């Protein structure tokens, strides 16, 4: 009777053991499926990132190409601007050259110096007027003006007691202003005030000479 009870207990326990094995097997299969799903998601993410990287690289290359083309276009426009910046000025100069040619041809036939001289003077006035009117280039006079190192270049200096400051005595080469800026300084001769000591010595010497002359008389 005891043996039968033990066999019955074993038989009753066997279904529970099989049930545990089945659960473990199912858990293993579920774990494998979960791992496969994770790998699939990662593969898709990697593929997406690679595609995104490829797209960004293409965009970068296109932007770089656009920038290179833009830089080349700017360089070309700059070269054209430099080449043709003085186009109108050159056209104006050509007109003056035409006038010179006409004056030369006229003098060859007549050999009249006065007429030739008058023609050259007229062309010079026309030329200077055109530069001032259209290009804001003005020629300034310096003789008699106070010496200004920003406008004048002293080529010669002469001491003088007639002025107590530096004054331009002679204009060797005219100066030019472009609007309100000095384009070329004038080359001039400048008077230099005599120092007080030298002035006093000169006055004393002059007075002595006058006294000597009076005594001699």
N, C-alpha and C. Protein backbone atom coordinates (compact mmCIF):
# COMPACT_ATOMS: atom_id res chain seq x y z
N UNK A 1 0.85 -1.19 0.00
CA UNK A 1 0.00 0.00 0.00
C UNK A 1 0.87 1.23 0.00
N UNK A 2 1.97 1.21 0.69
CA UNK A 2 2.92 2.32 0.76
C UNK A 2 3.57 2.52 -0.56
N UNK A 3 3.87 1.40 -1.24
CA UNK A 3 4.52 1.49 -2.57
C UNK A 3 3.58 2.16 -3.55
N UNK A 4 2.36 1.80 -3.54
CA UNK A 4 1.38 2.40 -4.45
C UNK A 4 1.26 3.88 -4.20
N UNK A 5 1.33 4.32 -2.93
CA UNK A 5 1.25 5.75 -2.62
C UNK A 5 2.42 6.50 -3.19
N UNK A 6 3.63 5.93 -3.12
CA UNK A 6 4.84 6.57 -3.66
C UNK A 6 4.75 6.72 -5.16
N UNK A 7 4.29 5.64 -5.85
CA UNK A 7 4.16 5.69 -7.30
C UNK A 7 3.16 6.76 -7.71
N UNK A 8 2.13 6.87 -6.91
CA UNK A 8 1.11 7.87 -7.22
C UNK A 8 1.69 9.26 -7.06
N UNK A 9 2.53 9.46 -5.99
CA UNK A 9 3.16 10.77 -5.79
C UNK A 9 4.09 11.12 -6.93
N UNK A 10 4.86 10.10 -7.43
CA UNK A 10 5.78 10.32 -8.56
C UNK A 10 5.00 10.69 -9.78
N UNK A 11 3.89 9.96 -10.03
CA UNK A 11 3.07 10.26 -11.21
C UNK A 11 2.47 11.64 -11.13
N UNK A 12 2.10 12.06 -9.91
CA UNK A 12 1.52 13.38 -9.76
C UNK A 12 2.57 14.47 -9.93
N UNK A 13 3.81 14.19 -9.56
CA UNK A 13 4.89 15.17 -9.67
C UNK A 13 5.39 15.31 -11.08
N UNK A 14 5.32 14.29 -11.91
CA UNK A 14 5.86 14.31 -13.27
C UNK A 14 5.25 15.38 -14.13
N UNK A 15 3.95 15.57 -14.14
CA UNK A 15 3.38 16.66 -14.96
C UNK A 15 3.93 18.01 -14.56
N UNK A 16 4.20 18.27 -13.29
CA UNK A 16 4.73 19.58 -12.89
C UNK A 16 6.12 19.77 -13.43
N UNK A 17 6.98 18.75 -13.44
CA UNK A 17 8.34 18.85 -13.96
C UNK A 17 8.33 19.14 -15.45
N UNK A 18 7.46 18.49 -16.18
CA UNK A 18 7.37 18.74 -17.63
C UNK A 18 6.90 20.13 -17.92
N UNK A 19 6.07 20.63 -17.10
CA UNK A 19 5.56 21.99 -17.31
C UNK A 19 6.66 23.01 -17.14
N UNK A 20 7.56 22.80 -16.19
CA UNK A 20 8.71 23.72 -15.98
C UNK A 20 9.65 23.70 -17.17
N UNK A 21 9.90 22.50 -17.70
CA UNK A 21 10.79 22.41 -18.87
C UNK A 21 10.18 23.13 -20.06
N UNK A 22 8.90 22.97 -20.26
CA UNK A 22 8.25 23.67 -21.37
C UNK A 22 8.35 25.19 -21.21
N UNK A 23 8.23 25.67 -20.00
CA UNK A 23 8.30 27.12 -19.74
C UNK A 23 9.69 27.65 -20.04
N UNK A 24 10.72 26.90 -19.64
CA UNK A 24 12.09 27.31 -19.92
C UNK A 24 12.37 27.33 -21.41
N UNK A 25 11.84 26.36 -22.12
CA UNK A 25 12.04 26.30 -23.57
C UNK A 25 11.38 27.49 -24.24
N UNK A 26 10.18 27.77 -23.80
CA UNK A 26 9.47 28.91 -24.39
C UNK A 26 10.20 30.21 -24.08
N UNK A 27 10.74 30.34 -22.87
CA UNK A 27 11.48 31.54 -22.50
C UNK A 27 12.71 31.71 -23.37
N UNK A 28 13.42 30.58 -23.66
CA UNK A 28 14.60 30.65 -24.52
C UNK A 28 14.24 31.09 -25.91
N UNK A 29 13.15 30.54 -26.45
CA UNK A 29 12.73 30.93 -27.78
C UNK A 29 12.34 32.41 -27.81
N UNK A 30 11.68 32.87 -26.76
CA UNK A 30 11.28 34.28 -26.70
C UNK A 30 12.49 35.19 -26.65
N UNK A 31 13.52 34.77 -25.91
CA UNK A 31 14.75 35.57 -25.82
C UNK A 31 15.43 35.68 -27.16
N UNK A 32 15.47 34.56 -27.92
CA UNK A 32 16.08 34.58 -29.26
C UNK A 32 15.31 35.50 -30.19
N UNK A 33 13.97 35.47 -30.11
CA UNK A 33 13.15 36.34 -30.96
C UNK A 33 13.40 37.81 -30.62
N UNK A 34 13.52 38.13 -29.30
CA UNK A 34 13.77 39.49 -28.87
C UNK A 34 15.12 39.99 -29.37
N UNK A 35 16.14 39.13 -29.33
CA UNK A 35 17.47 39.49 -29.82
C UNK A 35 17.45 39.77 -31.31
N UNK A 36 16.75 38.92 -32.06
CA UNK A 36 16.64 39.12 -33.52
C UNK A 36 15.94 40.44 -33.83
N UNK A 37 14.90 40.76 -33.06
CA UNK A 37 14.19 42.02 -33.28
C UNK A 37 15.10 43.22 -33.00
N UNK A 38 15.89 43.13 -31.92
CA UNK A 38 16.81 44.22 -31.57
C UNK A 38 17.84 44.43 -32.68
N UNK A 39 18.38 43.32 -33.22
CA UNK A 39 19.37 43.43 -34.30
C UNK A 39 18.75 44.05 -35.54
N UNK A 40 17.53 43.67 -35.82
CA UNK A 40 16.84 44.22 -36.99
C UNK A 40 16.64 45.72 -36.84
N UNK A 41 16.26 46.18 -35.66
CA UNK A 41 16.06 47.61 -35.41
C UNK A 41 17.38 48.36 -35.53
N UNK A 42 18.45 47.79 -34.99
CA UNK A 42 19.77 48.43 -35.07
C UNK A 42 20.26 48.51 -36.51
N UNK A 43 20.02 47.43 -37.26
CA UNK A 43 20.42 47.45 -38.67
C UNK A 43 19.68 48.55 -39.43
N UNK A 44 18.41 48.67 -39.15
CA UNK A 44 17.64 49.72 -39.82
C UNK A 44 18.14 51.10 -39.41
N UNK A 45 18.48 51.26 -38.13
CA UNK A 45 18.98 52.56 -37.66
C UNK A 45 20.32 52.89 -38.31
N UNK A 46 21.18 51.89 -38.42
CA UNK A 46 22.48 52.09 -39.09
C UNK A 46 22.28 52.47 -40.55
N UNK A 47 21.37 51.77 -41.20
CA UNK A 47 21.09 52.07 -42.61
C UNK A 47 20.55 53.50 -42.76
N UNK A 48 19.68 53.91 -41.83
CA UNK A 48 19.13 55.26 -41.89
C UNK A 48 20.23 56.31 -41.69
N UNK A 49 21.11 56.06 -40.72
CA UNK A 49 22.19 56.99 -40.45
C UNK A 49 23.17 57.08 -41.62
N UNK A 50 23.46 55.95 -42.25
CA UNK A 50 24.33 55.95 -43.40
C UNK A 50 23.73 56.75 -44.56
N UNK A 51 22.41 56.58 -44.75
CA UNK A 51 21.73 57.33 -45.81
C UNK A 51 21.74 58.83 -45.49
N UNK A 52 21.50 59.15 -44.23
CA UNK A 52 21.52 60.55 -43.82
C UNK A 52 22.90 61.16 -44.01
N UNK A 53 23.94 60.39 -43.66
CA UNK A 53 25.31 60.84 -43.84
C UNK A 53 25.63 61.08 -45.32
N UNK A 54 25.15 60.16 -46.15
CA UNK A 54 25.35 60.31 -47.59
C UNK A 54 24.66 61.55 -48.13
N UNK A 55 23.44 61.81 -47.65
CA UNK A 55 22.70 63.00 -48.09
C UNK A 55 23.41 64.27 -47.65
N UNK A 56 23.89 64.28 -46.42
CA UNK A 56 24.60 65.46 -45.92
C UNK A 56 25.89 65.70 -46.70
N UNK A 57 26.57 64.64 -47.05
CA UNK A 57 27.80 64.77 -47.84
C UNK A 57 27.49 65.35 -49.21
N UNK A 58 26.41 64.87 -49.84
CA UNK A 58 26.02 65.43 -51.14
C UNK A 58 25.67 66.91 -51.03
N UNK A 59 24.95 67.27 -49.97
CA UNK A 59 24.60 68.68 -49.77
C UNK A 59 25.86 69.53 -49.58
N UNK A 60 26.81 69.01 -48.82
CA UNK A 60 28.06 69.75 -48.59
C UNK A 60 28.82 69.96 -49.89
N UNK A 61 28.90 68.92 -50.70
CA UNK A 61 29.62 69.04 -51.97
C UNK A 61 28.93 70.04 -52.90
N UNK A 62 27.59 70.03 -52.90
CA UNK A 62 26.87 71.00 -53.73
C UNK A 62 27.11 72.42 -53.23
N UNK A 63 27.06 72.61 -51.90
CA UNK A 63 27.31 73.93 -51.34
C UNK A 63 28.72 74.40 -51.66
N UNK A 64 29.66 73.50 -51.56
CA UNK A 64 31.05 73.84 -51.86
C UNK A 64 31.20 74.24 -53.32
N UNK A 65 30.55 73.51 -54.22
CA UNK A 65 30.59 73.84 -55.65
C UNK A 65 29.94 75.20 -55.90
N UNK A 66 28.82 75.47 -55.23
CA UNK A 66 28.17 76.77 -55.37
C UNK A 66 29.07 77.89 -54.88
N UNK A 67 29.76 77.65 -53.77
CA UNK A 67 30.66 78.67 -53.24
C UNK A 67 31.83 78.93 -54.18
N UNK A 68 32.38 77.88 -54.76
CA UNK A 68 33.47 78.04 -55.73
C UNK A 68 33.00 78.85 -56.94
N UNK A 69 31.81 78.54 -57.43
CA UNK A 69 31.28 79.29 -58.57
C UNK A 69 31.03 80.75 -58.21
N UNK A 70 30.53 80.98 -56.99
CA UNK A 70 30.29 82.35 -56.53
C UNK A 70 31.59 83.12 -56.42
N UNK A 71 32.63 82.47 -55.90
CA UNK A 71 33.94 83.12 -55.77
C UNK A 71 34.52 83.46 -57.15
N UNK A 72 34.38 82.54 -58.09
CA UNK A 72 34.87 82.80 -59.44
C UNK A 72 34.12 83.94 -60.11
N UNK A 73 32.80 83.99 -59.87
CA UNK A 73 32.00 85.05 -60.45
C UNK A 73 32.38 86.41 -59.87
N UNK A 74 32.62 86.48 -58.56
CA UNK A 74 33.05 87.72 -57.94
C UNK A 74 34.40 88.17 -58.49
N UNK A 75 35.32 87.23 -58.66
CA UNK A 75 36.64 87.56 -59.20
C UNK A 75 36.52 88.11 -60.61
N UNK A 76 35.66 87.49 -61.42
CA UNK A 76 35.45 87.96 -62.79
C UNK A 76 34.85 89.37 -62.80
N UNK A 77 33.85 89.60 -61.94
CA UNK A 77 33.23 90.92 -61.88
C UNK A 77 34.24 91.97 -61.41
N UNK A 78 35.12 91.60 -60.48
CA UNK A 78 36.14 92.53 -60.00
C UNK A 78 37.11 92.88 -61.12
N UNK A 79 37.53 91.87 -61.87
CA UNK A 79 38.44 92.11 -62.99
C UNK A 79 37.79 93.00 -64.04
N UNK A 80 36.51 92.75 -64.33
CA UNK A 80 35.80 93.59 -65.30
C UNK A 80 35.65 95.02 -64.79
N UNK A 81 35.39 95.16 -63.48
CA UNK A 81 35.24 96.50 -62.92
C UNK A 81 36.54 97.28 -63.03
N UNK A 82 37.66 96.61 -62.78
CA UNK A 82 38.97 97.27 -62.90
C UNK A 82 39.26 97.62 -64.35
N UNK A 83 38.93 96.70 -65.25
CA UNK A 83 39.23 96.91 -66.66
C UNK A 83 38.43 98.07 -67.25
N UNK A 84 37.15 98.15 -66.87
CA UNK A 84 36.27 99.14 -67.49
C UNK A 84 35.92 100.30 -66.56
N UNK A 85 36.58 100.39 -65.41
CA UNK A 85 36.25 101.46 -64.46
C UNK A 85 36.50 102.84 -65.06
N UNK A 86 37.56 102.99 -65.85
CA UNK A 86 37.94 104.28 -66.41
C UNK A 86 37.50 104.43 -67.86
N UNK A 87 36.50 103.67 -68.26
CA UNK A 87 36.04 103.71 -69.65
C UNK A 87 35.59 105.11 -70.05
N UNK A 88 34.77 105.74 -69.20
CA UNK A 88 34.26 107.06 -69.55
C UNK A 88 35.38 108.09 -69.56
N UNK A 89 36.30 107.99 -68.61
CA UNK A 89 37.44 108.92 -68.58
C UNK A 89 38.27 108.79 -69.85
N UNK A 90 38.49 107.57 -70.28
CA UNK A 90 39.27 107.36 -71.50
C UNK A 90 38.54 107.92 -72.72
N UNK A 91 37.24 107.79 -72.76
CA UNK A 91 36.47 108.38 -73.86
C UNK A 91 36.62 109.90 -73.87
N UNK A 92 36.60 110.50 -72.68
CA UNK A 92 36.79 111.95 -72.60
C UNK A 92 38.20 112.34 -73.05
N UNK A 93 39.19 111.55 -72.70
CA UNK A 93 40.56 111.85 -73.12
C UNK A 93 40.72 111.72 -74.63
N UNK A 94 40.02 110.76 -75.21
CA UNK A 94 40.08 110.60 -76.67
C UNK A 94 39.60 111.86 -77.38
N UNK A 95 38.57 112.49 -76.83
CA UNK A 95 38.06 113.74 -77.40
C UNK A 95 39.14 114.82 -77.39
N UNK A 96 39.88 114.92 -76.29
CA UNK A 96 40.96 115.90 -76.20
C UNK A 96 42.06 115.58 -77.21
N UNK A 97 42.37 114.31 -77.38
CA UNK A 97 43.37 113.91 -78.37
C UNK A 97 42.94 114.32 -79.76
N UNK A 98 41.65 114.15 -80.05
CA UNK A 98 41.12 114.59 -81.34
C UNK A 98 41.37 116.08 -81.56
N UNK A 99 41.16 116.87 -80.52
CA UNK A 99 41.38 118.31 -80.63
C UNK A 99 42.86 118.64 -80.89
N UNK A 100 43.75 117.91 -80.24
CA UNK A 100 45.18 118.10 -80.48
C UNK A 100 45.53 117.77 -81.94
N UNK A 101 44.98 116.68 -82.42
CA UNK A 101 45.25 116.29 -83.81
C UNK A 101 44.78 117.37 -84.79
N UNK A 102 43.61 117.93 -84.54
CA UNK A 102 43.11 118.99 -85.42
C UNK A 102 44.00 120.23 -85.36
N UNK A 103 44.46 120.56 -84.13
CA UNK A 103 45.33 121.74 -84.00
C UNK A 103 46.65 121.52 -84.73
N UNK A 104 47.20 120.33 -84.63
CA UNK A 104 48.47 120.03 -85.31
C UNK A 104 48.31 120.09 -86.82
N UNK A 105 47.25 119.50 -87.34
CA UNK A 105 47.02 119.53 -88.78
C UNK A 105 46.81 120.96 -89.28
N UNK A 106 46.11 121.77 -88.49
CA UNK A 106 45.87 123.16 -88.87
C UNK A 106 47.18 123.94 -88.92
N UNK A 107 48.07 123.70 -87.97
CA UNK A 107 49.34 124.42 -87.95
C UNK A 107 50.26 124.00 -89.08
N UNK A 108 50.15 122.75 -89.51
CA UNK A 108 50.99 122.27 -90.61
C UNK A 108 50.68 123.02 -91.90
N UNK A 109 49.42 123.37 -92.10
CA UNK A 109 49.05 124.07 -93.33
C UNK A 109 49.35 125.56 -93.27
N UNK A 110 49.01 126.19 -92.16
CA UNK A 110 49.14 127.64 -92.07
C UNK A 110 50.50 128.08 -91.56
N UNK A 111 51.15 127.29 -90.73
CA UNK A 111 52.41 127.65 -90.09
C UNK A 111 52.27 128.97 -89.32
N UNK A 112 51.12 129.13 -88.71
CA UNK A 112 50.84 130.35 -87.96
C UNK A 112 51.02 130.04 -86.48
N UNK A 113 52.11 130.54 -85.90
CA UNK A 113 52.41 130.21 -84.52
C UNK A 113 51.35 130.74 -83.58
N UNK A 114 50.89 131.96 -83.81
CA UNK A 114 49.89 132.56 -82.91
C UNK A 114 48.60 131.74 -82.89
N UNK A 115 48.16 131.31 -84.07
CA UNK A 115 46.95 130.50 -84.14
C UNK A 115 47.15 129.16 -83.45
N UNK A 116 48.33 128.58 -83.68
CA UNK A 116 48.63 127.29 -83.05
C UNK A 116 48.65 127.44 -81.53
N UNK A 117 49.30 128.53 -81.06
CA UNK A 117 49.37 128.79 -79.62
C UNK A 117 47.98 128.96 -79.03
N UNK A 118 47.14 129.75 -79.70
CA UNK A 118 45.78 129.97 -79.22
C UNK A 118 44.98 128.67 -79.19
N UNK A 119 45.21 127.81 -80.19
CA UNK A 119 44.51 126.53 -80.22
C UNK A 119 44.92 125.63 -79.06
N UNK A 120 46.22 125.61 -78.75
CA UNK A 120 46.71 124.80 -77.63
C UNK A 120 46.15 125.31 -76.31
N UNK A 121 46.12 126.62 -76.14
CA UNK A 121 45.57 127.21 -74.91
C UNK A 121 44.09 126.85 -74.76
N UNK A 122 43.36 126.90 -75.86
CA UNK A 122 41.94 126.57 -75.82
C UNK A 122 41.73 125.10 -75.43
N UNK A 123 42.57 124.22 -76.00
CA UNK A 123 42.46 122.79 -75.68
C UNK A 123 42.78 122.56 -74.20
N UNK A 124 43.80 123.25 -73.72
CA UNK A 124 44.19 123.09 -72.31
C UNK A 124 43.05 123.52 -71.39
N UNK A 125 42.41 124.63 -71.70
CA UNK A 125 41.29 125.09 -70.89
C UNK A 125 40.12 124.10 -70.96
N UNK A 126 39.86 123.59 -72.15
CA UNK A 126 38.79 122.61 -72.31
C UNK A 126 39.09 121.33 -71.51
N UNK A 127 40.33 120.91 -71.54
CA UNK A 127 40.74 119.71 -70.83
C UNK A 127 40.58 119.88 -69.32
N UNK A 128 41.11 120.97 -68.78
CA UNK A 128 41.02 121.23 -67.35
C UNK A 128 39.56 121.37 -66.92
N UNK A 129 38.76 122.08 -67.75
CA UNK A 129 37.35 122.25 -67.42
C UNK A 129 36.61 120.93 -67.40
N UNK A 130 36.91 120.05 -68.35
CA UNK A 130 36.26 118.74 -68.38
C UNK A 130 36.60 117.92 -67.14
N UNK A 131 37.87 117.93 -66.75
CA UNK A 131 38.29 117.17 -65.57
C UNK A 131 37.62 117.70 -64.31
N UNK A 132 37.47 119.01 -64.22
CA UNK A 132 36.85 119.60 -63.04
C UNK A 132 35.34 119.35 -63.03
N UNK A 133 34.72 119.49 -64.17
CA UNK A 133 33.26 119.37 -64.26
C UNK A 133 32.77 117.93 -64.12
N UNK A 134 33.46 117.00 -64.76
CA UNK A 134 32.97 115.62 -64.80
C UNK A 134 33.67 114.70 -63.81
N UNK A 135 34.90 115.04 -63.42
CA UNK A 135 35.67 114.13 -62.58
C UNK A 135 36.09 114.76 -61.25
N UNK A 136 35.67 115.99 -60.99
CA UNK A 136 35.94 116.66 -59.72
C UNK A 136 37.43 116.80 -59.45
N UNK A 137 38.20 116.93 -60.53
CA UNK A 137 39.64 117.13 -60.41
C UNK A 137 39.93 118.61 -60.63
N UNK A 138 40.42 119.29 -59.60
CA UNK A 138 40.66 120.72 -59.69
C UNK A 138 42.14 121.04 -59.49
N UNK A 139 42.61 122.00 -60.25
CA UNK A 139 44.01 122.46 -60.13
C UNK A 139 44.02 123.69 -59.22
N UNK A 140 44.91 123.71 -58.24
CA UNK A 140 44.92 124.84 -57.31
C UNK A 140 46.21 125.66 -57.46
N UNK A 141 46.03 126.96 -57.24
CA UNK A 141 47.16 127.89 -57.28
C UNK A 141 47.83 127.93 -55.92
N UNK A 142 49.13 128.11 -55.89
CA UNK A 142 49.86 128.09 -54.62
C UNK A 142 50.64 129.37 -54.37
N UNK A 143 51.01 130.08 -55.41
CA UNK A 143 51.85 131.26 -55.25
C UNK A 143 51.15 132.31 -54.38
N UNK A 144 51.88 132.78 -53.36
CA UNK A 144 51.33 133.76 -52.43
C UNK A 144 50.59 133.15 -51.27
N UNK A 145 50.34 131.85 -51.32
CA UNK A 145 49.63 131.17 -50.24
C UNK A 145 50.59 130.76 -49.13
N UNK A 146 50.05 130.62 -47.93
CA UNK A 146 50.87 130.11 -46.83
C UNK A 146 51.25 128.67 -47.11
N UNK A 147 52.50 128.33 -46.83
CA UNK A 147 52.99 126.98 -47.10
C UNK A 147 52.25 125.96 -46.27
N UNK A 148 51.74 124.93 -46.95
CA UNK A 148 50.99 123.85 -46.29
C UNK A 148 51.65 122.53 -46.70
N UNK A 149 52.31 121.84 -45.77
CA UNK A 149 52.99 120.59 -46.13
C UNK A 149 52.07 119.50 -46.67
N UNK A 150 50.77 119.65 -46.40
CA UNK A 150 49.81 118.67 -46.93
C UNK A 150 49.50 118.94 -48.40
N UNK A 151 49.73 120.18 -48.87
CA UNK A 151 49.43 120.54 -50.25
C UNK A 151 50.66 120.89 -51.06
N UNK A 152 51.75 121.24 -50.38
CA UNK A 152 52.93 121.74 -51.07
C UNK A 152 54.17 120.89 -50.77
N UNK A 153 54.99 120.74 -51.76
CA UNK A 153 56.29 120.07 -51.61
C UNK A 153 57.37 121.12 -51.89
N UNK A 154 58.13 121.46 -50.86
CA UNK A 154 59.14 122.51 -50.99
C UNK A 154 60.35 121.99 -51.76
N UNK A 155 60.59 122.57 -52.94
CA UNK A 155 61.75 122.20 -53.75
C UNK A 155 62.93 123.13 -53.48
N UNK A 156 62.62 124.37 -53.11
CA UNK A 156 63.64 125.36 -52.79
C UNK A 156 63.16 126.20 -51.61
N UNK A 157 64.10 126.67 -50.82
CA UNK A 157 63.78 127.53 -49.68
C UNK A 157 64.65 128.78 -49.76
N UNK A 158 64.03 129.91 -49.58
CA UNK A 158 64.75 131.19 -49.65
C UNK A 158 64.39 132.03 -48.44
N UNK A 159 65.44 132.49 -47.74
CA UNK A 159 65.19 133.32 -46.57
C UNK A 159 64.69 134.69 -47.01
N UNK A 160 63.72 135.21 -46.26
CA UNK A 160 63.13 136.50 -46.60
C UNK A 160 62.64 137.17 -45.33
N UNK A 161 62.87 138.46 -45.28
CA UNK A 161 62.40 139.24 -44.13
C UNK A 161 61.04 139.87 -44.41
N UNK A 162 60.48 139.58 -45.59
CA UNK A 162 59.19 140.17 -45.96
C UNK A 162 58.02 139.45 -45.31
N UNK A 163 58.25 138.25 -44.80
CA UNK A 163 57.16 137.48 -44.21
C UNK A 163 57.60 136.92 -42.86
N UNK A 164 56.65 136.82 -41.95
CA UNK A 164 56.94 136.23 -40.65
C UNK A 164 56.52 134.77 -40.58
N UNK A 165 56.13 134.22 -41.71
CA UNK A 165 55.79 132.80 -41.79
C UNK A 165 56.14 132.31 -43.20
N UNK A 166 56.13 131.00 -43.39
CA UNK A 166 56.49 130.42 -44.68
C UNK A 166 55.40 130.72 -45.71
N UNK A 167 55.85 131.25 -46.84
CA UNK A 167 54.93 131.61 -47.92
C UNK A 167 55.49 131.04 -49.23
N UNK A 168 54.60 130.59 -50.10
CA UNK A 168 55.00 130.05 -51.40
C UNK A 168 55.36 131.23 -52.30
N UNK A 169 56.60 131.23 -52.78
CA UNK A 169 57.06 132.30 -53.65
C UNK A 169 56.86 131.97 -55.13
N UNK A 170 57.01 130.70 -55.45
CA UNK A 170 56.91 130.32 -56.87
C UNK A 170 56.32 128.92 -56.98
N UNK A 171 55.53 128.73 -58.02
CA UNK A 171 54.85 127.46 -58.27
C UNK A 171 55.57 126.77 -59.43
N UNK A 172 56.39 125.75 -59.11
CA UNK A 172 57.11 125.04 -60.16
C UNK A 172 56.21 124.05 -60.91
N UNK A 173 55.34 123.41 -60.17
CA UNK A 173 54.42 122.43 -60.75
C UNK A 173 53.11 122.49 -60.00
N UNK A 174 52.01 122.61 -60.74
CA UNK A 174 50.70 122.78 -60.13
C UNK A 174 50.30 121.55 -59.32
N UNK A 175 49.51 121.80 -58.29
CA UNK A 175 48.94 120.72 -57.50
C UNK A 175 47.49 120.49 -57.90
N UNK A 176 46.98 119.29 -57.58
CA UNK A 176 45.61 118.93 -57.96
C UNK A 176 44.88 118.32 -56.78
N UNK A 177 43.59 118.66 -56.70
CA UNK A 177 42.71 118.10 -55.69
C UNK A 177 41.68 117.21 -56.36
N UNK A 178 41.43 116.04 -55.79
CA UNK A 178 40.34 115.18 -56.23
C UNK A 178 39.25 115.25 -55.17
N UNK A 179 38.20 116.02 -55.51
CA UNK A 179 37.18 116.39 -54.53
C UNK A 179 37.85 117.14 -53.38
N UNK A 180 37.84 116.58 -52.16
CA UNK A 180 38.43 117.30 -51.03
C UNK A 180 39.76 116.70 -50.59
N UNK A 181 40.38 115.89 -51.43
CA UNK A 181 41.66 115.27 -51.09
C UNK A 181 42.73 115.70 -52.08
N UNK A 182 43.95 115.84 -51.57
CA UNK A 182 45.07 116.21 -52.43
C UNK A 182 45.48 115.00 -53.26
N UNK A 183 45.36 115.14 -54.58
CA UNK A 183 45.78 114.07 -55.47
C UNK A 183 47.27 114.16 -55.75
N UNK A 184 47.75 115.40 -55.97
CA UNK A 184 49.18 115.61 -56.17
C UNK A 184 49.56 116.95 -55.55
N UNK A 185 50.58 116.93 -54.71
CA UNK A 185 51.04 118.15 -54.08
C UNK A 185 51.76 119.03 -55.10
N UNK A 186 51.66 120.34 -54.90
CA UNK A 186 52.35 121.28 -55.78
C UNK A 186 53.83 121.35 -55.39
N UNK A 187 54.70 121.48 -56.39
CA UNK A 187 56.14 121.65 -56.14
C UNK A 187 56.44 123.14 -56.18
N UNK A 188 56.96 123.65 -55.07
CA UNK A 188 57.03 125.10 -54.91
C UNK A 188 58.37 125.55 -54.34
N UNK A 189 58.56 126.88 -54.46
CA UNK A 189 59.67 127.57 -53.80
C UNK A 189 59.09 128.32 -52.62
N UNK A 190 59.71 128.20 -51.46
CA UNK A 190 59.12 128.71 -50.22
C UNK A 190 60.04 129.76 -49.59
N UNK A 191 59.43 130.80 -49.05
CA UNK A 191 60.20 131.80 -48.30
C UNK A 191 60.30 131.34 -46.85
N UNK A 192 61.52 131.48 -46.31
CA UNK A 192 61.77 131.11 -44.92
C UNK A 192 62.03 132.37 -44.12
N UNK A 193 61.22 132.67 -43.09
CA UNK A 193 61.45 133.88 -42.30
C UNK A 193 62.85 133.88 -41.70
N UNK A 194 63.50 135.06 -41.74
CA UNK A 194 64.82 135.21 -41.14
C UNK A 194 64.68 135.17 -39.63
N UNK A 195 65.60 134.49 -38.95
CA UNK A 195 65.53 134.39 -37.50
C UNK A 195 65.72 135.77 -36.87
N UNK A 196 65.22 135.95 -35.65
CA UNK A 196 65.29 137.24 -34.98
C UNK A 196 66.74 137.69 -34.79
N UNK A 197 67.63 136.76 -34.43
CA UNK A 197 69.03 137.12 -34.20
C UNK A 197 69.68 137.60 -35.49
N UNK A 198 69.42 136.87 -36.56
CA UNK A 198 70.00 137.27 -37.84
C UNK A 198 69.37 138.56 -38.33
N UNK A 199 68.07 138.73 -38.06
CA UNK A 199 67.40 139.96 -38.45
C UNK A 199 68.00 141.16 -37.70
N UNK A 200 68.24 140.98 -36.40
CA UNK A 200 68.81 142.05 -35.59
C UNK A 200 70.23 142.37 -36.05
N UNK A 201 70.99 141.31 -36.33
CA UNK A 201 72.36 141.53 -36.81
C UNK A 201 72.35 142.25 -38.15
N UNK A 202 71.42 141.87 -39.00
CA UNK A 202 71.32 142.53 -40.30
C UNK A 202 70.95 143.99 -40.16
N UNK A 203 70.01 144.28 -39.24
CA UNK A 203 69.60 145.66 -39.02
C UNK A 203 70.77 146.49 -38.48
N UNK A 204 71.54 145.90 -37.56
CA UNK A 204 72.69 146.62 -37.01
C UNK A 204 73.73 146.88 -38.09
N UNK A 205 73.96 145.88 -38.93
CA UNK A 205 74.94 146.08 -40.01
C UNK A 205 74.47 147.14 -40.98
N UNK A 206 73.18 147.14 -41.27
CA UNK A 206 72.62 148.15 -42.16
C UNK A 206 72.74 149.54 -41.55
N UNK A 207 72.45 149.64 -40.24
CA UNK A 207 72.57 150.93 -39.55
C UNK A 207 74.02 151.42 -39.54
N UNK A 208 74.95 150.49 -39.33
CA UNK A 208 76.37 150.85 -39.33
C UNK A 208 76.80 151.36 -40.69
N UNK A 209 76.35 150.72 -41.72
CA UNK A 209 76.70 151.18 -43.07
C UNK A 209 76.15 152.57 -43.33
N UNK A 210 74.93 152.82 -42.87
CA UNK A 210 74.34 154.14 -43.09
C UNK A 210 75.11 155.21 -42.31
N UNK A 211 75.53 154.88 -41.08
CA UNK A 211 76.32 155.82 -40.26
C UNK A 211 77.65 156.11 -40.93
N UNK A 212 78.29 155.08 -41.43
CA UNK A 212 79.58 155.23 -42.11
C UNK A 212 79.44 156.11 -43.34
N UNK A 213 78.34 155.89 -44.06
CA UNK A 213 78.12 156.70 -45.25
C UNK A 213 77.91 158.17 -44.88
N UNK A 214 77.16 158.42 -43.78
CA UNK A 214 76.94 159.79 -43.33
C UNK A 214 78.23 160.45 -42.88
N UNK A 215 79.07 159.69 -42.19
CA UNK A 215 80.34 160.24 -41.71
C UNK A 215 81.28 160.59 -42.86
N UNK A 216 81.20 159.74 -43.89
CA UNK A 216 82.07 159.97 -45.04
C UNK A 216 81.68 161.25 -45.77
N UNK A 217 80.41 161.52 -45.78
CA UNK A 217 79.98 162.73 -46.44
C UNK A 217 80.44 163.96 -45.64
